[in-house]
Protein backbone atom coordinates (compact mmCIF):
# COMPACT_ATOMS: atom_id res chain seq x y z
CA MET A 1 76.88 125.26 115.01
CA ASN A 2 76.35 123.20 118.18
CA ALA A 3 75.19 120.22 116.10
CA PHE A 4 78.31 120.50 113.96
CA ASN A 5 80.57 120.64 117.03
CA ALA A 6 78.76 117.67 118.54
CA LEU A 7 79.23 115.72 115.34
CA ILE A 8 82.95 116.53 115.28
CA ALA A 9 83.31 115.59 118.94
CA THR A 10 81.43 112.33 118.46
CA TYR A 11 83.41 111.23 115.39
CA TYR A 12 86.73 112.94 116.17
CA HIS A 13 88.87 109.79 115.85
CA GLU A 14 87.14 108.63 112.69
CA ILE A 15 87.58 112.06 111.10
CA LYS A 16 91.22 112.32 112.23
CA PHE A 17 92.20 108.89 110.91
CA GLY A 18 90.14 109.32 107.74
CA LEU A 19 91.99 112.55 106.98
CA PHE A 20 95.32 110.96 107.88
CA PHE A 21 94.65 107.93 105.64
CA SER A 22 93.61 110.19 102.77
CA ALA A 23 96.71 112.38 103.15
CA MET A 24 98.98 109.32 103.16
CA ASN A 25 97.23 108.10 99.99
CA VAL A 26 97.96 111.40 98.24
CA ILE A 27 101.62 111.27 99.41
CA TRP A 28 101.92 107.68 98.15
CA MET A 29 100.47 108.61 94.74
CA PHE A 30 102.78 111.60 94.51
CA GLY A 31 105.71 109.25 95.21
CA GLU A 32 104.50 106.89 92.47
CA LYS A 33 104.30 109.82 90.04
CA LEU A 34 107.81 111.00 90.98
CA ALA A 35 109.12 107.46 90.47
CA GLY A 36 107.69 107.45 86.93
CA LEU A 37 105.06 104.81 87.62
CA HIS A 38 102.30 106.88 86.00
CA ASP A 39 104.08 107.45 82.72
CA VAL A 40 104.68 105.34 79.60
CA THR A 41 106.65 102.32 80.60
CA GLU A 42 110.06 101.20 79.44
CA LEU A 43 108.19 98.88 77.08
CA GLY A 44 107.02 101.85 75.02
CA GLY A 45 103.54 101.72 76.48
CA GLU A 46 102.98 98.14 75.27
CA MET A 47 102.94 95.14 77.57
CA ASN A 48 101.71 91.60 77.17
CA PHE A 49 100.47 89.51 80.07
CA LYS A 50 103.76 87.64 80.51
CA GLN A 51 105.78 90.89 80.68
CA GLY A 52 103.36 92.40 83.22
CA PHE A 53 103.27 89.24 85.30
CA MET A 54 107.04 88.86 85.34
CA SER A 55 107.49 92.51 86.32
CA GLY A 56 104.95 92.19 89.13
CA LEU A 57 106.48 88.91 90.26
CA GLY A 58 109.91 90.56 90.44
CA ILE A 59 108.52 93.39 92.56
CA THR A 60 106.71 90.87 94.78
CA ILE A 61 109.89 88.83 95.33
CA ILE A 62 111.89 91.94 96.28
CA VAL A 63 109.20 93.19 98.66
CA THR A 64 108.86 89.71 100.18
CA ALA A 65 112.62 89.45 100.68
CA LEU A 66 112.70 92.85 102.41
CA THR A 67 109.69 92.13 104.62
CA PRO A 68 111.59 90.53 107.55
CA ILE A 69 113.93 93.52 107.74
CA ILE A 70 111.02 95.97 107.52
CA GLN A 71 109.05 94.14 110.21
CA PHE A 72 112.12 94.07 112.45
CA ILE A 73 112.56 97.85 112.06
CA ILE A 74 108.86 98.49 112.65
CA HIS A 75 108.65 96.41 115.81
CA THR A 76 112.02 97.19 117.38
CA VAL A 77 112.67 100.82 116.38
CA ILE A 78 109.38 102.51 115.44
CA THR A 79 107.00 100.81 117.86
CA PRO A 80 108.89 98.54 120.27
CA ASP A 81 105.93 98.25 122.68
CA TYR A 82 103.52 96.98 120.03
CA PHE A 83 103.57 93.30 121.05
CA THR A 84 103.41 94.08 124.78
CA ASN A 85 100.42 96.38 124.20
CA VAL A 86 98.52 94.07 121.85
CA ARG A 87 99.07 91.03 124.10
CA ALA A 88 97.76 92.98 127.10
CA PHE A 89 94.76 94.10 125.07
CA VAL A 90 93.76 90.67 123.74
CA ILE A 91 94.28 89.05 127.14
CA LYS A 92 92.01 91.70 128.66
CA GLN A 93 89.48 90.86 125.92
CA GLY A 94 89.54 87.22 126.99
CA MET A 95 92.25 85.54 124.92
CA ASN A 96 94.22 82.82 126.65
CA PRO A 97 97.58 84.34 127.74
CA GLU A 98 99.54 81.38 126.37
CA VAL A 99 97.91 81.80 122.96
CA ALA A 100 98.50 85.57 123.02
CA ASN A 101 102.15 85.13 123.97
CA THR A 102 102.64 82.61 121.16
CA HIS A 103 100.69 84.47 118.48
CA PHE A 104 101.86 88.05 119.04
CA THR A 105 105.60 87.77 118.56
CA LEU A 106 108.05 89.27 116.12
CA ASN A 107 108.75 85.88 114.53
CA SER A 108 105.07 85.09 113.99
CA PHE A 109 104.47 88.53 112.47
CA ILE A 110 107.46 88.17 110.18
CA MET A 111 106.26 84.77 108.94
CA LEU A 112 102.71 86.03 108.51
CA SER A 113 103.87 89.17 106.71
CA VAL A 114 106.10 87.21 104.33
CA PHE A 115 103.34 84.77 103.43
CA THR A 116 100.51 87.28 103.11
CA GLY A 117 102.73 89.83 101.36
CA PHE A 118 103.74 87.26 98.75
CA MET A 119 100.16 86.09 98.20
CA TYR A 120 98.79 89.65 97.97
CA GLY A 121 101.62 90.53 95.61
CA ILE A 122 100.77 87.68 93.26
CA ILE A 123 97.04 88.46 93.38
CA THR A 124 97.70 92.18 92.80
CA THR A 125 100.09 91.35 89.94
CA ILE A 126 97.53 89.19 88.18
CA PHE A 127 94.70 91.68 88.70
CA THR A 128 96.76 94.70 87.68
CA THR A 129 98.18 92.99 84.58
CA ILE A 130 94.72 91.93 83.45
CA MET A 131 93.33 95.43 84.06
CA VAL A 132 96.19 97.15 82.21
CA ARG A 133 95.77 94.80 79.27
CA TYR A 134 91.98 95.26 79.30
CA VAL A 135 92.20 99.06 79.40
CA ARG A 136 94.74 99.06 76.57
CA MET A 137 92.54 96.78 74.46
CA LYS A 138 89.55 99.10 74.99
CA ARG A 139 91.38 102.08 73.45
């Protein structure tokens, strides 16, 4: 039992965050199921590439448009000390303070989130549409 306790003590943070991440994944999937995303679609279960791509593109555009608002809420309401803390950390790690103060700002995170969110959305849309079509064709 001592070896087990030592293992838990040594990897406490990894275990804690692994369990937290897994729980959030289950909650997310449950939300998708409640929203009807795991059922037959409005297209009667049939979808061509263009329909899938256009649907994914629409979702991507909406998420991208909401990103600045979401980032604002995250960094001013939920975790207002984030940029102060991360700047202090990277400066302590050796980053030039001027670079840290320029890079870790709300505006830079909003711009980065909009760009990366849009790109990930397009890539995910293409991948998902191809996979859904491939799985359907295999049946």
